[in-house]
Amino acid sequence: FIYRRQSDSFICPEGEELKRRNFNKKRQQFEYMSSMKTCG
């Protein structure tokens, strides 16, 4: 996975973008998501 700072997103090995969706309070971290069909 490659982090893209300018868009605050990750690119998965399949070339699809994972966008920030949520902040997990328990883990104190952001969660990034994409379709399982493309990056699953």
PDB file of N, CA and C in Angstrom:
ATOM      1  N   PHE A   1       0.843  -1.180   0.000  1.00  0.00           N
ATOM      2  CA  PHE A   1       0.000   0.000   0.000  1.00  0.00           C
ATOM      3  C   PHE A   1       0.886   1.240   0.000  1.00  0.00           C
ATOM      4  N   ILE A   2       0.454   2.233  -0.762  1.00  0.00           N
ATOM      5  CA  ILE A   2       1.195   3.488  -0.865  1.00  0.00           C
ATOM      6  C   ILE A   2       0.307   4.607  -0.330  1.00  0.00           C
ATOM      7  N   TYR A   3       0.874   5.410   0.592  1.00  0.00           N
ATOM      8  CA  TYR A   3       0.127   6.536   1.144  1.00  0.00           C
ATOM      9  C   TYR A   3       0.310   7.758   0.255  1.00  0.00           C
ATOM     10  N   ARG A   4      -0.797   8.439  -0.055  1.00  0.00           N
ATOM     11  CA  ARG A   4      -0.771   9.671  -0.845  1.00  0.00           C
ATOM     12  C   ARG A   4      -1.165  10.827   0.062  1.00  0.00           C
ATOM     13  N   ARG A   5      -0.170  11.588   0.478  1.00  0.00           N
ATOM     14  CA  ARG A   5      -0.388  12.668   1.436  1.00  0.00           C
ATOM     15  C   ARG A   5      -1.328  13.754   0.904  1.00  0.00           C
ATOM     16  N   GLN A   6      -1.190  14.118  -0.360  1.00  0.00           N
ATOM     17  CA  GLN A   6      -1.993  15.210  -0.911  1.00  0.00           C
ATOM     18  C   GLN A   6      -3.489  14.915  -0.889  1.00  0.00           C
ATOM     19  N   SER A   7      -3.868  13.637  -0.970  1.00  0.00           N
ATOM     20  CA  SER A   7      -5.296  13.283  -0.941  1.00  0.00           C
ATOM     21  C   SER A   7      -5.683  12.537   0.333  1.00  0.00           C
ATOM     22  N   ASP A   8      -4.722  12.334   1.255  1.00  0.00           N
ATOM     23  CA  ASP A   8      -4.938  11.589   2.498  1.00  0.00           C
ATOM     24  C   ASP A   8      -5.636  10.262   2.202  1.00  0.00           C
ATOM     25  N   SER A   9      -5.005   9.483   1.332  1.00  0.00           N
ATOM     26  CA  SER A   9      -5.572   8.194   0.937  1.00  0.00           C
ATOM     27  C   SER A   9      -4.440   7.202   0.694  1.00  0.00           C
ATOM     28  N   PHE A  10      -4.811   5.943   0.532  1.00  0.00           N
ATOM     29  CA  PHE A  10      -3.850   4.893   0.209  1.00  0.00           C
ATOM     30  C   PHE A  10      -4.204   4.307  -1.147  1.00  0.00           C
ATOM     31  N   ILE A  11      -3.206   3.781  -1.842  1.00  0.00           N
ATOM     32  CA  ILE A  11      -3.415   3.053  -3.084  1.00  0.00           C
ATOM     33  C   ILE A  11      -3.086   1.595  -2.797  1.00  0.00           C
ATOM     34  N   CYS A  12      -4.041   0.708  -3.053  1.00  0.00           N
ATOM     35  CA  CYS A  12      -3.833  -0.720  -2.799  1.00  0.00           C
ATOM     36  C   CYS A  12      -3.029  -1.341  -3.944  1.00  0.00           C
ATOM     37  N   PRO A  13      -2.541  -2.574  -3.777  1.00  0.00           N
ATOM     38  CA  PRO A  13      -1.761  -3.230  -4.832  1.00  0.00           C
ATOM     39  C   PRO A  13      -2.500  -3.349  -6.166  1.00  0.00           C
ATOM     40  N   GLU A  14      -3.820  -3.279  -6.139  1.00  0.00           N
ATOM     41  CA  GLU A  14      -4.605  -3.346  -7.377  1.00  0.00           C
ATOM     42  C   GLU A  14      -4.752  -1.977  -8.044  1.00  0.00           C
ATOM     43  N   GLY A  15      -4.196  -0.928  -7.395  1.00  0.00           N
ATOM     44  CA  GLY A  15      -4.241   0.411  -7.974  1.00  0.00           C
ATOM     45  C   GLY A  15      -5.457   1.230  -7.608  1.00  0.00           C
ATOM     46  N   GLU A  16      -6.286   0.724  -6.708  1.00  0.00           N
ATOM     47  CA  GLU A  16      -7.499   1.439  -6.296  1.00  0.00           C
ATOM     48  C   GLU A  16      -7.223   2.295  -5.061  1.00  0.00           C
ATOM     49  N   GLU A  17      -7.963   3.398  -4.945  1.00  0.00           N
ATOM     50  CA  GLU A  17      -7.788   4.335  -3.846  1.00  0.00           C
ATOM     51  C   GLU A  17      -8.639   3.946  -2.638  1.00  0.00           C
ATOM     52  N   LEU A  18      -8.018   3.957  -1.459  1.00  0.00           N
ATOM     53  CA  LEU A  18      -8.734   3.755  -0.201  1.00  0.00           C
ATOM     54  C   LEU A  18      -8.825   5.113   0.477  1.00  0.00           C
ATOM     55  N   LYS A  19     -10.053   5.602   0.684  1.00  0.00           N
ATOM     56  CA  LYS A  19     -10.259   6.912   1.278  1.00  0.00           C
ATOM     57  C   LYS A  19     -10.527   6.790   2.771  1.00  0.00           C
ATOM     58  N   ARG A  20     -10.142   7.842   3.502  1.00  0.00           N
ATOM     59  CA  ARG A  20     -10.379   7.860   4.951  1.00  0.00           C
ATOM     60  C   ARG A  20     -11.872   7.935   5.200  1.00  0.00           C
ATOM     61  N   ARG A  21     -12.391   7.020   6.029  1.00  0.00           N
ATOM     62  CA  ARG A  21     -13.831   6.929   6.270  1.00  0.00           C
ATOM     63  C   ARG A  21     -14.231   7.180   7.717  1.00  0.00           C
ATOM     64  N   ASN A  22     -13.365   6.836   8.665  1.00  0.00           N
ATOM     65  CA  ASN A  22     -13.804   6.818  10.056  1.00  0.00           C
ATOM     66  C   ASN A  22     -12.606   6.998  10.979  1.00  0.00           C
ATOM     67  N   PHE A  23     -12.868   7.431  12.210  1.00  0.00           N
ATOM     68  CA  PHE A  23     -11.839   7.458  13.246  1.00  0.00           C
ATOM     69  C   PHE A  23     -12.238   6.460  14.314  1.00  0.00           C
ATOM     70  N   ASN A  24     -11.403   5.466  14.540  1.00  0.00           N
ATOM     71  CA  ASN A  24     -11.663   4.437  15.532  1.00  0.00           C
ATOM     72  C   ASN A  24     -11.167   4.953  16.881  1.00  0.00           C
ATOM     73  N   LYS A  25     -12.094   5.321  17.756  1.00  0.00           N
ATOM     74  CA  LYS A  25     -11.729   5.886  19.056  1.00  0.00           C
ATOM     75  C   LYS A  25     -10.986   4.884  19.929  1.00  0.00           C
ATOM     76  N   LYS A  26     -11.372   3.632  19.858  1.00  0.00           N
ATOM     77  CA  LYS A  26     -10.740   2.603  20.678  1.00  0.00           C
ATOM     78  C   LYS A  26      -9.264   2.423  20.304  1.00  0.00           C
ATOM     79  N   ARG A  27      -8.986   2.405  19.019  1.00  0.00           N
ATOM     80  CA  ARG A  27      -7.610   2.225  18.531  1.00  0.00           C
ATOM     81  C   ARG A  27      -6.867   3.544  18.350  1.00  0.00           C
ATOM     82  N   GLN A  28      -7.611   4.658  18.416  1.00  0.00           N
ATOM     83  CA  GLN A  28      -7.043   5.988  18.208  1.00  0.00           C
ATOM     84  C   GLN A  28      -6.355   6.099  16.846  1.00  0.00           C
ATOM     85  N   GLN A  29      -7.078   5.652  15.801  1.00  0.00           N
ATOM     86  CA  GLN A  29      -6.522   5.733  14.454  1.00  0.00           C
ATOM     87  C   GLN A  29      -7.632   5.881  13.418  1.00  0.00           C
ATOM     88  N   PHE A  30      -7.257   6.422  12.270  1.00  0.00           N
ATOM     89  CA  PHE A  30      -8.194   6.548  11.161  1.00  0.00           C
ATOM     90  C   PHE A  30      -8.303   5.225  10.426  1.00  0.00           C
ATOM     91  N   GLU A  31      -9.473   4.986   9.842  1.00  0.00           N
ATOM     92  CA  GLU A  31      -9.704   3.783   9.037  1.00  0.00           C
ATOM     93  C   GLU A  31      -9.935   4.211   7.595  1.00  0.00           C
ATOM     94  N   TYR A  32      -9.295   3.509   6.698  1.00  0.00           N
ATOM     95  CA  TYR A  32      -9.406   3.777   5.263  1.00  0.00           C
ATOM     96  C   TYR A  32     -10.100   2.595   4.617  1.00  0.00           C
ATOM     97  N   MET A  33     -11.010   2.874   3.680  1.00  0.00           N
ATOM     98  CA  MET A  33     -11.794   1.794   3.084  1.00  0.00           C
ATOM     99  C   MET A  33     -11.934   1.962   1.583  1.00  0.00           C
ATOM    100  N   SER A  34     -12.125   0.818   0.939  1.00  0.00           N
ATOM    101  CA  SER A  34     -12.425   0.750  -0.483  1.00  0.00           C
ATOM    102  C   SER A  34     -13.295  -0.473  -0.698  1.00  0.00           C
ATOM    103  N   SER A  35     -13.718  -0.676  -1.901  1.00  0.00           N
ATOM    104  CA  SER A  35     -14.538  -1.834  -2.229  1.00  0.00           C
ATOM    105  C   SER A  35     -13.739  -3.125  -2.098  1.00  0.00           C
ATOM    106  N   MET A  36     -14.330  -4.154  -1.501  1.00  0.00           N
ATOM    107  CA  MET A  36     -13.647  -5.450  -1.392  1.00  0.00           C
ATOM    108  C   MET A  36     -13.438  -6.065  -2.769  1.00  0.00           C
ATOM    109  N   LYS A  37     -14.283  -5.700  -3.719  1.00  0.00           N
ATOM    110  CA  LYS A  37     -14.138  -6.228  -5.078  1.00  0.00           C
ATOM    111  C   LYS A  37     -12.837  -5.760  -5.721  1.00  0.00           C
ATOM    112  N   THR A  38     -12.398  -4.557  -5.360  1.00  0.00           N
ATOM    113  CA  THR A  38     -11.211  -4.009  -6.003  1.00  0.00           C
ATOM    114  C   THR A  38      -9.931  -4.225  -5.210  1.00  0.00           C
ATOM    115  N   CYS A  39     -10.008  -4.196  -3.894  1.00  0.00           N
ATOM    116  CA  CYS A  39      -8.793  -4.316  -3.072  1.00  0.00           C
ATOM    117  C   CYS A  39      -8.838  -5.491  -2.102  1.00  0.00           C
ATOM    118  N   GLY A  40      -9.907  -6.246  -2.090  1.00  0.00           N
ATOM    119  CA  GLY A  40     -10.113  -7.302  -1.120  1.00  0.00           C
ATOM    120  C   GLY A  40      -9.207  -8.444  -1.294  1.00  0.00           C
TER     121      GLY A  40
END
